[in-house]
C-alpha atoms as a PDB file:
ATOM      1  CA  UNK A   1     -25.369  33.874 -64.298  1.00  0.00           C
ATOM      2  CA  UNK A   2     -21.820  32.937 -63.327  1.00  0.00           C
ATOM      3  CA  UNK A   3     -21.191  30.279 -60.678  1.00  0.00           C
ATOM      4  CA  UNK A   4     -19.728  32.909 -58.353  1.00  0.00           C
ATOM      5  CA  UNK A   5     -22.833  35.145 -58.609  1.00  0.00           C
ATOM      6  CA  UNK A   6     -25.090  32.121 -58.124  1.00  0.00           C
ATOM      7  CA  UNK A   7     -23.168  31.138 -54.988  1.00  0.00           C
ATOM      8  CA  UNK A   8     -23.402  34.665 -53.583  1.00  0.00           C
ATOM      9  CA  UNK A   9     -27.130  34.813 -54.370  1.00  0.00           C
ATOM     10  CA  UNK A  10     -27.751  31.448 -52.685  1.00  0.00           C
ATOM     11  CA  UNK A  11     -25.769  32.478 -49.598  1.00  0.00           C
ATOM     12  CA  UNK A  12     -27.720  35.751 -49.363  1.00  0.00           C
ATOM     13  CA  UNK A  13     -30.979  33.830 -49.767  1.00  0.00           C
ATOM     14  CA  UNK A  14     -29.897  31.371 -47.085  1.00  0.00           C
ATOM     15  CA  UNK A  15     -28.982  34.208 -44.714  1.00  0.00           C
ATOM     16  CA  UNK A  16     -32.338  35.919 -45.358  1.00  0.00           C
ATOM     17  CA  UNK A  17     -34.225  32.666 -44.740  1.00  0.00           C
ATOM     18  CA  UNK A  18     -32.381  32.109 -41.449  1.00  0.00           C
ATOM     19  CA  UNK A  19     -33.176  35.679 -40.458  1.00  0.00           C
ATOM     20  CA  UNK A  20     -36.881  35.187 -41.263  1.00  0.00           C
ATOM     21  CA  UNK A  21     -37.007  31.881 -39.383  1.00  0.00           C
ATOM     22  CA  UNK A  22     -35.383  33.533 -36.376  1.00  0.00           C
ATOM     23  CA  UNK A  23     -37.823  36.420 -36.515  1.00  0.00           C
ATOM     24  CA  UNK A  24     -40.767  34.023 -36.746  1.00  0.00           C
ATOM     25  CA  UNK A  25     -39.514  31.963 -33.821  1.00  0.00           C
ATOM     26  CA  UNK A  26     -39.011  35.123 -31.787  1.00  0.00           C
ATOM     27  CA  UNK A  27     -42.576  36.232 -32.479  1.00  0.00           C
ATOM     28  CA  UNK A  28     -43.923  32.851 -31.347  1.00  0.00           C
ATOM     29  CA  UNK A  29     -41.849  32.883 -28.162  1.00  0.00           C
ATOM     30  CA  UNK A  30     -42.810  36.464 -27.317  1.00  0.00           C
ATOM     31  CA  UNK A  31     -46.508  35.772 -27.977  1.00  0.00           C
ATOM     32  CA  UNK A  32     -46.428  32.766 -25.650  1.00  0.00           C
ATOM     33  CA  UNK A  33     -44.640  34.775 -22.973  1.00  0.00           C
ATOM     34  CA  UNK A  34     -47.186  37.594 -23.216  1.00  0.00           C
ATOM     35  CA  UNK A  35     -50.054  35.127 -22.955  1.00  0.00           C
ATOM     36  CA  UNK A  36     -48.417  33.391 -19.991  1.00  0.00           C
ATOM     37  CA  UNK A  37     -47.943  36.736 -18.238  1.00  0.00           C
ATOM     38  CA  UNK A  38     -51.565  37.677 -18.872  1.00  0.00           C
ATOM     39  CA  UNK A  39     -52.791  34.407 -17.388  1.00  0.00           C
ATOM     40  CA  UNK A  40     -50.361  34.741 -14.477  1.00  0.00           C
ATOM     41  CA  UNK A  41     -51.595  38.260 -13.790  1.00  0.00           C
ATOM     42  CA  UNK A  42     -55.183  37.066 -13.829  1.00  0.00           C
ATOM     43  CA  UNK A  43     -54.403  34.161 -11.500  1.00  0.00           C
ATOM     44  CA  UNK A  44     -52.172  36.137  -9.124  1.00  0.00           C
ATOM     45  CA  UNK A  45     -54.935  36.145  -6.510  1.00  0.00           C
ATOM     46  CA  UNK A  46     -55.858  32.503  -6.997  1.00  0.00           C
ATOM     47  CA  UNK A  47     -57.227  30.308  -9.746  1.00  0.00           C
ATOM     48  CA  UNK A  48     -59.368  31.771 -12.484  1.00  0.00           C
ATOM     49  CA  UNK A  49     -63.077  31.724 -11.858  1.00  0.00           C
ATOM     50  CA  UNK A  50     -65.079  29.412 -14.138  1.00  0.00           C
ATOM     51  CA  UNK A  51     -66.685  32.296 -16.045  1.00  0.00           C
ATOM     52  CA  UNK A  52     -63.248  33.787 -16.784  1.00  0.00           C
ATOM     53  CA  UNK A  53     -61.880  30.401 -17.853  1.00  0.00           C
ATOM     54  CA  UNK A  54     -64.893  29.889 -20.128  1.00  0.00           C
ATOM     55  CA  UNK A  55     -64.381  33.300 -21.735  1.00  0.00           C
ATOM     56  CA  UNK A  56     -60.696  32.616 -22.346  1.00  0.00           C
ATOM     57  CA  UNK A  57     -61.562  29.304 -24.025  1.00  0.00           C
ATOM     58  CA  UNK A  58     -63.600  31.087 -26.719  1.00  0.00           C
ATOM     59  CA  UNK A  59     -62.318  32.735 -29.913  1.00  0.00           C
ATOM     60  CA  UNK A  60     -61.848  36.526 -29.589  1.00  0.00           C
ATOM     61  CA  UNK A  61     -65.141  37.515 -31.265  1.00  0.00           C
ATOM     62  CA  UNK A  62     -67.228  35.117 -29.185  1.00  0.00           C
ATOM     63  CA  UNK A  63     -65.199  36.022 -26.095  1.00  0.00           C
ATOM     64  CA  UNK A  64     -66.187  39.678 -26.418  1.00  0.00           C
ATOM     65  CA  UNK A  65     -69.851  38.821 -26.901  1.00  0.00           C
ATOM     66  CA  UNK A  66     -69.730  36.382 -23.982  1.00  0.00           C
ATOM     67  CA  UNK A  67     -68.126  39.008 -21.748  1.00  0.00           C
ATOM     68  CA  UNK A  68     -70.775  41.580 -22.739  1.00  0.00           C
ATOM     69  CA  UNK A  69     -73.604  39.160 -21.918  1.00  0.00           C
ATOM     70  CA  UNK A  70     -72.101  38.278 -18.540  1.00  0.00           C
ATOM     71  CA  UNK A  71     -71.368  41.925 -17.761  1.00  0.00           C
ATOM     72  CA  UNK A  72     -74.982  42.901 -18.491  1.00  0.00           C
ATOM     73  CA  UNK A  73     -76.404  40.314 -16.098  1.00  0.00           C
ATOM     74  CA  UNK A  74     -73.739  41.118 -13.484  1.00  0.00           C
ATOM     75  CA  UNK A  75     -74.768  44.760 -13.659  1.00  0.00           C
ATOM     76  CA  UNK A  76     -78.407  43.755 -13.130  1.00  0.00           C
ATOM     77  CA  UNK A  77     -77.520  41.535 -10.167  1.00  0.00           C
ATOM     78  CA  UNK A  78     -75.031  43.885  -8.499  1.00  0.00           C
ATOM     79  CA  UNK A  79     -77.585  45.527  -6.135  1.00  0.00           C
ATOM     80  CA  UNK A  80     -78.761  42.128  -4.863  1.00  0.00           C
ATOM     81  CA  UNK A  81     -75.179  40.974  -4.308  1.00  0.00           C
ATOM     82  CA  UNK A  82     -74.312  44.206  -2.502  1.00  0.00           C
ATOM     83  CA  UNK A  83     -77.369  43.829  -0.272  1.00  0.00           C
ATOM     84  CA  UNK A  84     -76.428  40.215   0.457  1.00  0.00           C
ATOM     85  CA  UNK A  85     -72.907  41.326   1.386  1.00  0.00           C
ATOM     86  CA  UNK A  86     -74.307  44.006   3.678  1.00  0.00           C
ATOM     87  CA  UNK A  87     -76.551  41.421   5.362  1.00  0.00           C
ATOM     88  CA  UNK A  88     -73.541  39.174   5.958  1.00  0.00           C
ATOM     89  CA  UNK A  89     -71.569  42.076   7.438  1.00  0.00           C
ATOM     90  CA  UNK A  90     -74.473  42.919   9.743  1.00  0.00           C
ATOM     91  CA  UNK A  91     -74.915  39.289  10.775  1.00  0.00           C
ATOM     92  CA  UNK A  92     -71.266  38.696  11.612  1.00  0.00           C
ATOM     93  CA  UNK A  93     -70.996  42.062  13.337  1.00  0.00           C
ATOM     94  CA  UNK A  94     -74.030  41.235  15.500  1.00  0.00           C
ATOM     95  CA  UNK A  95     -72.229  38.127  16.718  1.00  0.00           C
ATOM     96  CA  UNK A  96     -69.900  40.347  18.733  1.00  0.00           C
ATOM     97  CA  UNK A  97     -72.615  42.461  20.386  1.00  0.00           C
ATOM     98  CA  UNK A  98     -73.543  42.267  24.079  1.00  0.00           C
ATOM     99  CA  UNK A  99     -76.908  40.631  23.411  1.00  0.00           C
ATOM    100  CA  UNK A 100     -76.630  37.978  20.729  1.00  0.00           C
ATOM    101  CA  UNK A 101     -79.786  36.943  18.897  1.00  0.00           C
ATOM    102  CA  UNK A 102     -78.725  33.733  17.181  1.00  0.00           C
ATOM    103  CA  UNK A 103     -82.021  33.380  15.333  1.00  0.00           C
ATOM    104  CA  UNK A 104     -81.734  36.885  13.843  1.00  0.00           C
ATOM    105  CA  UNK A 105     -78.124  36.276  12.812  1.00  0.00           C
ATOM    106  CA  UNK A 106     -79.044  32.971  11.152  1.00  0.00           C
ATOM    107  CA  UNK A 107     -82.007  34.623   9.420  1.00  0.00           C
ATOM    108  CA  UNK A 108     -79.766  37.347   7.963  1.00  0.00           C
ATOM    109  CA  UNK A 109     -77.237  34.773   6.788  1.00  0.00           C
ATOM    110  CA  UNK A 110     -80.031  32.685   5.242  1.00  0.00           C
ATOM    111  CA  UNK A 111     -81.438  35.747   3.472  1.00  0.00           C
ATOM    112  CA  UNK A 112     -77.971  36.677   2.170  1.00  0.00           C
ATOM    113  CA  UNK A 113     -77.422  33.123   0.913  1.00  0.00           C
ATOM    114  CA  UNK A 114     -80.791  33.126  -0.879  1.00  0.00           C
ATOM    115  CA  UNK A 115     -79.988  36.463  -2.535  1.00  0.00           C
ATOM    116  CA  UNK A 116     -76.568  35.214  -3.666  1.00  0.00           C
ATOM    117  CA  UNK A 117     -78.070  31.986  -4.991  1.00  0.00           C
ATOM    118  CA  UNK A 118     -80.720  33.933  -6.909  1.00  0.00           C
ATOM    119  CA  UNK A 119     -78.084  36.200  -8.458  1.00  0.00           C
ATOM    120  CA  UNK A 120     -75.929  33.212  -9.369  1.00  0.00           C
ATOM    121  CA  UNK A 121     -78.877  31.486 -11.042  1.00  0.00           C
ATOM    122  CA  UNK A 122     -79.488  34.591 -13.191  1.00  0.00           C
ATOM    123  CA  UNK A 123     -75.820  34.706 -14.201  1.00  0.00           C
ATOM    124  CA  UNK A 124     -75.721  30.994 -15.042  1.00  0.00           C
ATOM    125  CA  UNK A 125     -78.977  31.294 -17.032  1.00  0.00           C
ATOM    126  CA  UNK A 126     -77.469  34.144 -19.076  1.00  0.00           C
ATOM    127  CA  UNK A 127     -74.368  32.043 -19.757  1.00  0.00           C
ATOM    128  CA  UNK A 128     -76.514  29.124 -20.930  1.00  0.00           C
ATOM    129  CA  UNK A 129     -78.691  31.417 -23.083  1.00  0.00           C
ATOM    130  CA  UNK A 130     -75.585  32.830 -24.782  1.00  0.00           C
ATOM    131  CA  UNK A 131     -73.738  29.534 -25.100  1.00  0.00           C
ATOM    132  CA  UNK A 132     -76.552  27.563 -26.759  1.00  0.00           C
ATOM    133  CA  UNK A 133     -76.183  29.860 -29.790  1.00  0.00           C
ATOM    134  CA  UNK A 134     -72.501  28.919 -30.264  1.00  0.00           C
ATOM    135  CA  UNK A 135     -71.136  26.104 -32.436  1.00  0.00           C
ATOM    136  CA  UNK A 136     -70.884  22.717 -30.728  1.00  0.00           C
ATOM    137  CA  UNK A 137     -67.109  22.826 -30.202  1.00  0.00           C
ATOM    138  CA  UNK A 138     -67.327  26.206 -28.463  1.00  0.00           C
ATOM    139  CA  UNK A 139     -70.282  25.047 -26.345  1.00  0.00           C
ATOM    140  CA  UNK A 140     -68.207  22.054 -25.259  1.00  0.00           C
ATOM    141  CA  UNK A 141     -65.325  24.334 -24.247  1.00  0.00           C
ATOM    142  CA  UNK A 142     -67.617  26.582 -22.201  1.00  0.00           C
ATOM    143  CA  UNK A 143     -69.200  23.558 -20.536  1.00  0.00           C
ATOM    144  CA  UNK A 144     -65.803  22.113 -19.718  1.00  0.00           C
ATOM    145  CA  UNK A 145     -64.580  25.348 -18.153  1.00  0.00           C
ATOM    146  CA  UNK A 146     -67.792  25.985 -16.214  1.00  0.00           C
ATOM    147  CA  UNK A 147     -67.751  22.504 -14.683  1.00  0.00           C
ATOM    148  CA  UNK A 148     -66.445  22.549 -11.107  1.00  0.00           C
ATOM    149  CA  UNK A 149     -62.757  21.695 -11.065  1.00  0.00           C
ATOM    150  CA  UNK A 150     -61.610  18.940  -8.711  1.00  0.00           C
ATOM    151  CA  UNK A 151     -59.884  20.364  -5.686  1.00  0.00           C
ATOM    152  CA  UNK A 152     -56.341  19.361  -5.040  1.00  0.00           C
ATOM    153  CA  UNK A 153     -56.486  17.012  -2.111  1.00  0.00           C
ATOM    154  CA  UNK A 154     -54.095  17.865   0.623  1.00  0.00           C
ATOM    155  CA  UNK A 155     -52.136  15.063   2.155  1.00  0.00           C
ATOM    156  CA  UNK A 156     -53.016  14.535   5.811  1.00  0.00           C
ATOM    157  CA  UNK A 157     -50.410  15.926   8.130  1.00  0.00           C
ATOM    158  CA  UNK A 158     -48.051  13.345   9.504  1.00  0.00           C
ATOM    159  CA  UNK A 159     -48.918  12.486  13.056  1.00  0.00           C
ATOM    160  CA  UNK A 160     -46.344  11.582  15.570  1.00  0.00           C
ATOM    161  CA  UNK A 161     -46.997   9.275  18.456  1.00  0.00           C
ATOM    162  CA  UNK A 162     -46.769  10.843  21.854  1.00  0.00           C
ATOM    163  CA  UNK A 163     -43.874   9.436  23.905  1.00  0.00           C
END
């Protein structure tokens, strides 16, 4: 091969390699942007719930199985949660009536809270039952995401002395 042909071949190879590197970098940047948009869309109404964070921390196959397990128990607990919500609506509505029965309102709120706590315990039990079957590193990720997150502490408002 002549030196001129070798030079042309090397320049073409170099151009192709730069093109491939650029394409690869573009794919990485676009993938990160898509993921960031997906997370932003999920957090548009506030921070992600622990169950959602835990699911996102898992690999895709485990994530789908985790979501199916949580969905099944959510479906089972939906009637209890709906009844608890209805009890809360009734309790808070009764507060505005002409004759207020504080004991009845408190009883409805207590009953709603017990129903919600029972449903939550079923959901958490299903998460534990699923998670114990995962490898240790995935269990650790789920545990980390399910742990309550520290709340951002707000700085106390500056007070001004009255003149």
